[in-house]
Amino acid sequence: MKPSISIITIGVDDLERAFVFYRALFELDDEQIGAGEDHVAFFFPNDLSFVLFPRDQIAQTAGKDVAVAGTPGFVLSHQASSPSEVDDILRKVLAAGGAVITAGTQSEWGYSAYFEDSEGNVWELMAQPAAN
């Protein structure tokens, strides 16, 4: 895997408060901000996104029941070129001593998986859906 960090997701306790803070800090136009029920994304040049996500949901992503001490406060995301590359990277993760949290799964956002490195840090692997 040639790391390419395209998304940084941080856990927040109050999504609205964090949104107000980062919106003021980043000074982005409305078209550079996307939001859903459970997240807010800020889109920067060079395909970098910064996402706010509820801390308890990051805990679930990491396979933890609740956001307790040791629950990661962020997720690093690697943009893979294809679903097969996502699966190849997961095999390398296992061979290197990491753990697969969520195997590759297709969704409306593309094909994604989550893994934990040897120190418990969480990564997301994702391949965008094919363009229609």
N, C-alpha and C. Protein backbone atom coordinates (compact mmCIF):
# COMPACT_ATOMS: atom_id res chain seq x y z
N MET A 1 0.85 -1.18 0.00
CA MET A 1 0.00 0.00 0.00
C MET A 1 0.89 1.23 0.00
N LYS A 2 0.66 2.10 -0.94
CA LYS A 2 1.32 3.40 -0.94
C LYS A 2 0.35 4.37 -0.29
N PRO A 3 0.60 4.74 0.97
CA PRO A 3 -0.38 5.54 1.70
C PRO A 3 -0.72 6.85 1.01
N SER A 4 -1.97 7.12 0.97
CA SER A 4 -2.50 8.35 0.43
C SER A 4 -3.65 8.74 1.34
N ILE A 5 -3.39 9.64 2.26
CA ILE A 5 -4.43 10.06 3.19
C ILE A 5 -5.33 11.05 2.46
N SER A 6 -6.57 10.65 2.24
CA SER A 6 -7.49 11.53 1.53
C SER A 6 -8.58 12.07 2.44
N ILE A 7 -8.81 11.37 3.56
CA ILE A 7 -9.84 11.82 4.50
C ILE A 7 -9.30 11.68 5.91
N ILE A 8 -9.47 12.71 6.69
CA ILE A 8 -9.19 12.65 8.12
C ILE A 8 -10.52 12.83 8.83
N THR A 9 -10.91 11.84 9.61
CA THR A 9 -12.16 11.89 10.35
C THR A 9 -11.85 11.98 11.84
N ILE A 10 -12.41 12.97 12.50
CA ILE A 10 -12.20 13.09 13.94
C ILE A 10 -13.51 12.90 14.68
N GLY A 11 -13.40 12.34 15.87
CA GLY A 11 -14.57 12.14 16.72
C GLY A 11 -14.88 13.38 17.51
N VAL A 12 -16.16 13.71 17.57
CA VAL A 12 -16.60 14.89 18.33
C VAL A 12 -17.77 14.50 19.23
N ASP A 13 -17.90 15.22 20.33
CA ASP A 13 -19.00 14.97 21.25
C ASP A 13 -20.25 15.76 20.89
N ASP A 14 -20.06 16.92 20.27
CA ASP A 14 -21.18 17.77 19.90
C ASP A 14 -20.97 18.19 18.44
N LEU A 15 -21.66 17.53 17.52
CA LEU A 15 -21.45 17.76 16.09
C LEU A 15 -21.73 19.21 15.70
N GLU A 16 -22.81 19.77 16.20
CA GLU A 16 -23.16 21.15 15.84
C GLU A 16 -22.09 22.13 16.34
N ARG A 17 -21.66 21.97 17.58
CA ARG A 17 -20.63 22.86 18.14
C ARG A 17 -19.33 22.75 17.33
N ALA A 18 -18.94 21.52 17.00
CA ALA A 18 -17.70 21.31 16.23
C ALA A 18 -17.84 21.91 14.83
N PHE A 19 -19.03 21.76 14.23
CA PHE A 19 -19.25 22.33 12.91
C PHE A 19 -19.08 23.85 12.93
N VAL A 20 -19.69 24.50 13.89
CA VAL A 20 -19.59 25.96 14.01
C VAL A 20 -18.13 26.37 14.16
N PHE A 21 -17.39 25.65 15.00
CA PHE A 21 -15.97 25.96 15.22
C PHE A 21 -15.17 25.83 13.92
N TYR A 22 -15.26 24.67 13.26
CA TYR A 22 -14.44 24.43 12.08
C TYR A 22 -14.88 25.26 10.88
N ARG A 23 -16.16 25.54 10.80
CA ARG A 23 -16.62 26.41 9.71
C ARG A 23 -15.98 27.79 9.83
N ALA A 24 -15.95 28.32 11.06
CA ALA A 24 -15.32 29.62 11.29
C ALA A 24 -13.81 29.55 11.06
N LEU A 25 -13.20 28.46 11.48
CA LEU A 25 -11.75 28.32 11.35
C LEU A 25 -11.32 28.18 9.90
N PHE A 26 -12.02 27.35 9.14
CA PHE A 26 -11.61 27.04 7.76
C PHE A 26 -12.05 28.09 6.74
N GLU A 27 -13.09 28.87 7.04
CA GLU A 27 -13.58 29.91 6.13
C GLU A 27 -13.82 29.38 4.72
N LEU A 28 -14.57 28.28 4.61
CA LEU A 28 -14.86 27.67 3.31
C LEU A 28 -16.21 28.13 2.78
N ASP A 29 -16.36 28.12 1.47
CA ASP A 29 -17.65 28.41 0.84
C ASP A 29 -18.59 27.24 1.09
N ASP A 30 -19.89 27.52 1.02
CA ASP A 30 -20.90 26.49 1.27
C ASP A 30 -20.72 25.27 0.39
N GLU A 31 -20.32 25.47 -0.87
CA GLU A 31 -20.17 24.33 -1.77
C GLU A 31 -18.97 23.44 -1.42
N GLN A 32 -18.14 23.86 -0.47
CA GLN A 32 -17.02 23.05 0.00
C GLN A 32 -17.35 22.32 1.30
N ILE A 33 -18.62 22.34 1.67
CA ILE A 33 -19.07 21.69 2.90
C ILE A 33 -20.23 20.77 2.56
N GLY A 34 -20.16 19.55 3.09
CA GLY A 34 -21.26 18.60 2.91
C GLY A 34 -21.66 18.07 4.27
N ALA A 35 -22.94 17.77 4.44
CA ALA A 35 -23.40 17.29 5.73
C ALA A 35 -24.45 16.21 5.54
N GLY A 36 -24.47 15.29 6.49
CA GLY A 36 -25.49 14.27 6.56
C GLY A 36 -26.04 14.26 7.96
N GLU A 37 -26.88 13.29 8.25
CA GLU A 37 -27.44 13.21 9.60
C GLU A 37 -26.38 13.05 10.67
N ASP A 38 -25.31 12.31 10.34
CA ASP A 38 -24.33 11.94 11.36
C ASP A 38 -22.92 12.47 11.10
N HIS A 39 -22.76 13.41 10.17
CA HIS A 39 -21.41 13.90 9.90
C HIS A 39 -21.46 15.25 9.18
N VAL A 40 -20.31 15.90 9.19
CA VAL A 40 -20.09 17.10 8.38
C VAL A 40 -18.72 16.92 7.73
N ALA A 41 -18.65 17.20 6.43
CA ALA A 41 -17.39 17.06 5.70
C ALA A 41 -16.99 18.41 5.11
N PHE A 42 -15.71 18.72 5.24
CA PHE A 42 -15.12 19.91 4.65
C PHE A 42 -14.19 19.44 3.54
N PHE A 43 -14.38 19.98 2.33
CA PHE A 43 -13.61 19.53 1.17
C PHE A 43 -12.58 20.58 0.78
N PHE A 44 -11.31 20.15 0.74
CA PHE A 44 -10.19 21.02 0.43
C PHE A 44 -9.60 20.66 -0.93
N PRO A 45 -8.76 21.54 -1.46
CA PRO A 45 -8.07 21.20 -2.71
C PRO A 45 -7.22 19.93 -2.55
N ASN A 46 -6.87 19.35 -3.66
CA ASN A 46 -6.02 18.15 -3.70
C ASN A 46 -6.68 16.93 -3.06
N ASP A 47 -8.02 16.86 -3.17
CA ASP A 47 -8.76 15.68 -2.72
C ASP A 47 -8.59 15.35 -1.25
N LEU A 48 -8.45 16.36 -0.40
CA LEU A 48 -8.39 16.13 1.04
C LEU A 48 -9.72 16.54 1.66
N SER A 49 -10.26 15.66 2.49
CA SER A 49 -11.49 15.96 3.22
C SER A 49 -11.24 15.83 4.71
N PHE A 50 -11.89 16.68 5.47
CA PHE A 50 -11.83 16.66 6.93
C PHE A 50 -13.26 16.46 7.40
N VAL A 51 -13.49 15.35 8.13
CA VAL A 51 -14.85 14.97 8.49
C VAL A 51 -15.03 14.96 10.00
N LEU A 52 -16.14 15.50 10.46
CA LEU A 52 -16.54 15.46 11.86
C LEU A 52 -17.57 14.34 12.00
N PHE A 53 -17.36 13.47 12.98
CA PHE A 53 -18.21 12.29 13.14
C PHE A 53 -18.39 12.06 14.63
N PRO A 54 -19.58 11.72 15.10
CA PRO A 54 -19.79 11.52 16.53
C PRO A 54 -18.82 10.48 17.11
N ARG A 55 -18.23 10.81 18.23
CA ARG A 55 -17.23 9.97 18.87
C ARG A 55 -17.77 8.56 19.16
N ASP A 56 -19.04 8.46 19.58
CA ASP A 56 -19.58 7.14 19.88
C ASP A 56 -19.69 6.29 18.62
N GLN A 57 -19.93 6.92 17.47
CA GLN A 57 -19.99 6.16 16.23
C GLN A 57 -18.59 5.75 15.76
N ILE A 58 -17.59 6.56 16.05
CA ILE A 58 -16.21 6.13 15.77
C ILE A 58 -15.88 4.92 16.63
N ALA A 59 -16.34 4.93 17.87
CA ALA A 59 -16.11 3.77 18.74
C ALA A 59 -16.72 2.52 18.12
N GLN A 60 -17.94 2.64 17.61
CA GLN A 60 -18.58 1.49 16.97
C GLN A 60 -17.80 1.05 15.74
N THR A 61 -17.32 1.99 14.95
CA THR A 61 -16.51 1.68 13.78
C THR A 61 -15.28 0.89 14.17
N ALA A 62 -14.72 1.24 15.33
CA ALA A 62 -13.50 0.58 15.83
C ALA A 62 -13.81 -0.72 16.56
N GLY A 63 -15.09 -1.12 16.59
CA GLY A 63 -15.45 -2.36 17.25
C GLY A 63 -15.55 -2.27 18.75
N LYS A 64 -15.68 -1.05 19.28
CA LYS A 64 -15.80 -0.83 20.72
C LYS A 64 -17.28 -0.59 21.06
N ASP A 65 -17.69 -1.02 22.24
CA ASP A 65 -19.08 -0.83 22.64
C ASP A 65 -19.40 0.64 22.92
N VAL A 66 -18.48 1.32 23.58
CA VAL A 66 -18.68 2.73 23.92
C VAL A 66 -17.35 3.45 23.75
N ALA A 67 -17.43 4.78 23.70
CA ALA A 67 -16.23 5.59 23.56
C ALA A 67 -15.55 5.71 24.92
N VAL A 68 -14.69 4.76 25.25
CA VAL A 68 -13.97 4.75 26.51
C VAL A 68 -12.51 5.11 26.25
N ALA A 69 -11.76 5.25 27.29
CA ALA A 69 -10.33 5.53 27.15
C ALA A 69 -9.74 4.49 26.21
N GLY A 70 -8.94 4.94 25.27
CA GLY A 70 -8.33 4.04 24.31
C GLY A 70 -9.10 3.97 23.01
N THR A 71 -10.32 4.49 22.98
CA THR A 71 -11.07 4.54 21.74
C THR A 71 -10.44 5.62 20.87
N PRO A 72 -10.14 5.30 19.62
CA PRO A 72 -9.49 6.31 18.79
C PRO A 72 -10.39 7.52 18.60
N GLY A 73 -9.76 8.68 18.55
CA GLY A 73 -10.50 9.91 18.32
C GLY A 73 -10.46 10.34 16.88
N PHE A 74 -9.89 9.49 16.01
CA PHE A 74 -9.81 9.82 14.60
C PHE A 74 -9.70 8.53 13.79
N VAL A 75 -9.98 8.67 12.51
CA VAL A 75 -9.82 7.56 11.57
C VAL A 75 -9.06 8.09 10.37
N LEU A 76 -8.02 7.39 9.96
CA LEU A 76 -7.30 7.73 8.73
C LEU A 76 -7.94 6.96 7.59
N SER A 77 -8.14 7.60 6.46
CA SER A 77 -8.77 6.94 5.32
C SER A 77 -7.82 6.93 4.13
N HIS A 78 -7.69 5.77 3.52
CA HIS A 78 -6.86 5.60 2.32
C HIS A 78 -7.78 5.36 1.14
N GLN A 79 -7.61 6.14 0.08
CA GLN A 79 -8.42 5.99 -1.13
C GLN A 79 -7.74 4.96 -2.03
N ALA A 80 -8.34 3.79 -2.13
CA ALA A 80 -7.81 2.73 -3.00
C ALA A 80 -8.36 2.93 -4.41
N SER A 81 -7.70 2.30 -5.36
CA SER A 81 -8.12 2.46 -6.76
C SER A 81 -9.29 1.56 -7.14
N SER A 82 -9.52 0.50 -6.35
CA SER A 82 -10.58 -0.45 -6.71
C SER A 82 -10.94 -1.30 -5.50
N PRO A 83 -12.09 -1.97 -5.55
CA PRO A 83 -12.43 -2.91 -4.48
C PRO A 83 -11.38 -4.01 -4.31
N SER A 84 -10.81 -4.47 -5.40
CA SER A 84 -9.79 -5.53 -5.28
C SER A 84 -8.55 -5.03 -4.55
N GLU A 85 -8.21 -3.76 -4.73
CA GLU A 85 -7.07 -3.21 -3.99
C GLU A 85 -7.40 -3.14 -2.50
N VAL A 86 -8.64 -2.78 -2.16
CA VAL A 86 -9.06 -2.77 -0.75
C VAL A 86 -8.84 -4.16 -0.15
N ASP A 87 -9.30 -5.19 -0.85
CA ASP A 87 -9.17 -6.56 -0.35
C ASP A 87 -7.70 -7.00 -0.27
N ASP A 88 -6.89 -6.58 -1.25
CA ASP A 88 -5.46 -6.90 -1.22
C ASP A 88 -4.78 -6.28 0.01
N ILE A 89 -5.13 -5.04 0.30
CA ILE A 89 -4.54 -4.35 1.46
C ILE A 89 -4.96 -5.06 2.74
N LEU A 90 -6.22 -5.50 2.83
CA LEU A 90 -6.67 -6.21 4.02
C LEU A 90 -5.86 -7.49 4.24
N ARG A 91 -5.52 -8.19 3.18
CA ARG A 91 -4.68 -9.40 3.31
C ARG A 91 -3.30 -9.03 3.86
N LYS A 92 -2.75 -7.91 3.40
CA LYS A 92 -1.45 -7.45 3.89
C LYS A 92 -1.54 -7.05 5.36
N VAL A 93 -2.65 -6.43 5.74
CA VAL A 93 -2.86 -6.03 7.14
C VAL A 93 -2.79 -7.26 8.03
N LEU A 94 -3.51 -8.31 7.67
CA LEU A 94 -3.52 -9.54 8.46
C LEU A 94 -2.14 -10.18 8.52
N ALA A 95 -1.45 -10.20 7.39
CA ALA A 95 -0.11 -10.80 7.34
C ALA A 95 0.89 -10.02 8.19
N ALA A 96 0.66 -8.70 8.32
CA ALA A 96 1.58 -7.85 9.08
C ALA A 96 1.24 -7.78 10.56
N GLY A 97 0.16 -8.45 10.99
CA GLY A 97 -0.18 -8.45 12.41
C GLY A 97 -1.30 -7.52 12.81
N GLY A 98 -1.96 -6.92 11.85
CA GLY A 98 -3.11 -6.07 12.15
C GLY A 98 -4.37 -6.91 12.21
N ALA A 99 -5.51 -6.24 12.36
CA ALA A 99 -6.79 -6.93 12.45
C ALA A 99 -7.81 -6.24 11.57
N VAL A 100 -8.64 -7.03 10.93
CA VAL A 100 -9.74 -6.48 10.13
C VAL A 100 -10.91 -6.23 11.07
N ILE A 101 -11.41 -5.01 11.08
CA ILE A 101 -12.57 -4.66 11.90
C ILE A 101 -13.84 -4.94 11.09
N THR A 102 -13.86 -4.46 9.86
CA THR A 102 -14.99 -4.68 8.96
C THR A 102 -14.43 -5.06 7.59
N ALA A 103 -14.81 -6.21 7.09
CA ALA A 103 -14.38 -6.65 5.77
C ALA A 103 -14.97 -5.72 4.71
N GLY A 104 -14.44 -5.80 3.50
CA GLY A 104 -14.92 -4.97 2.41
C GLY A 104 -16.41 -5.10 2.20
N THR A 105 -17.09 -3.97 2.14
CA THR A 105 -18.54 -3.92 2.01
C THR A 105 -18.92 -2.86 1.00
N GLN A 106 -19.85 -3.19 0.13
CA GLN A 106 -20.35 -2.23 -0.86
C GLN A 106 -21.47 -1.40 -0.25
N SER A 107 -21.45 -0.10 -0.47
CA SER A 107 -22.53 0.79 -0.03
C SER A 107 -22.71 1.86 -1.08
N GLU A 108 -23.62 2.79 -0.82
CA GLU A 108 -23.82 3.88 -1.76
C GLU A 108 -22.58 4.76 -1.92
N TRP A 109 -21.69 4.74 -0.91
CA TRP A 109 -20.50 5.58 -0.92
C TRP A 109 -19.33 4.91 -1.62
N GLY A 110 -19.47 3.63 -1.93
CA GLY A 110 -18.39 2.89 -2.57
C GLY A 110 -18.11 1.61 -1.80
N TYR A 111 -16.95 1.06 -2.01
CA TYR A 111 -16.54 -0.18 -1.36
C TYR A 111 -15.56 0.20 -0.26
N SER A 112 -15.84 -0.22 0.97
CA SER A 112 -14.97 0.20 2.07
C SER A 112 -14.77 -0.92 3.08
N ALA A 113 -13.71 -0.76 3.86
CA ALA A 113 -13.36 -1.70 4.93
C ALA A 113 -12.64 -0.91 6.00
N TYR A 114 -12.61 -1.48 7.21
CA TYR A 114 -11.87 -0.86 8.31
C TYR A 114 -10.90 -1.87 8.88
N PHE A 115 -9.71 -1.38 9.22
CA PHE A 115 -8.75 -2.25 9.89
C PHE A 115 -8.07 -1.51 11.02
N GLU A 116 -7.45 -2.29 11.88
CA GLU A 116 -6.72 -1.78 13.04
C GLU A 116 -5.26 -2.18 12.86
N ASP A 117 -4.37 -1.21 13.05
CA ASP A 117 -2.95 -1.56 12.95
C ASP A 117 -2.52 -2.29 14.22
N SER A 118 -1.25 -2.61 14.31
CA SER A 118 -0.76 -3.38 15.46
C SER A 118 -0.86 -2.63 16.78
N GLU A 119 -1.12 -1.32 16.71
CA GLU A 119 -1.21 -0.50 17.93
C GLU A 119 -2.63 -0.06 18.23
N GLY A 120 -3.60 -0.54 17.45
CA GLY A 120 -4.99 -0.20 17.70
C GLY A 120 -5.49 1.04 16.97
N ASN A 121 -4.66 1.63 16.10
CA ASN A 121 -5.11 2.77 15.31
C ASN A 121 -6.00 2.29 14.18
N VAL A 122 -7.07 3.04 13.92
CA VAL A 122 -8.07 2.62 12.94
C VAL A 122 -7.85 3.32 11.60
N TRP A 123 -7.93 2.51 10.55
CA TRP A 123 -7.86 2.99 9.17
C TRP A 123 -9.12 2.58 8.44
N GLU A 124 -9.55 3.42 7.53
CA GLU A 124 -10.61 3.08 6.58
C GLU A 124 -9.97 2.95 5.21
N LEU A 125 -10.35 1.93 4.48
CA LEU A 125 -9.96 1.78 3.09
C LEU A 125 -11.22 1.99 2.27
N MET A 126 -11.10 2.75 1.20
CA MET A 126 -12.30 2.96 0.39
C MET A 126 -11.96 3.09 -1.07
N ALA A 127 -12.87 2.58 -1.90
CA ALA A 127 -12.79 2.74 -3.34
C ALA A 127 -14.10 3.35 -3.78
N GLN A 128 -14.05 4.46 -4.47
CA GLN A 128 -15.25 5.15 -4.90
C GLN A 128 -16.05 4.28 -5.85
N PRO A 129 -17.38 4.45 -5.85
CA PRO A 129 -18.17 3.68 -6.81
C PRO A 129 -17.85 4.09 -8.24
N ALA A 130 -18.03 3.15 -9.15
CA ALA A 130 -17.79 3.44 -10.56
C ALA A 130 -18.75 4.52 -11.03
N ALA A 131 -18.27 5.41 -11.87
CA ALA A 131 -19.12 6.47 -12.41
C ALA A 131 -20.10 5.87 -13.42
N ASN A 132 -21.31 6.36 -13.40
CA ASN A 132 -22.33 5.84 -14.34
C ASN A 132 -22.22 6.50 -15.68
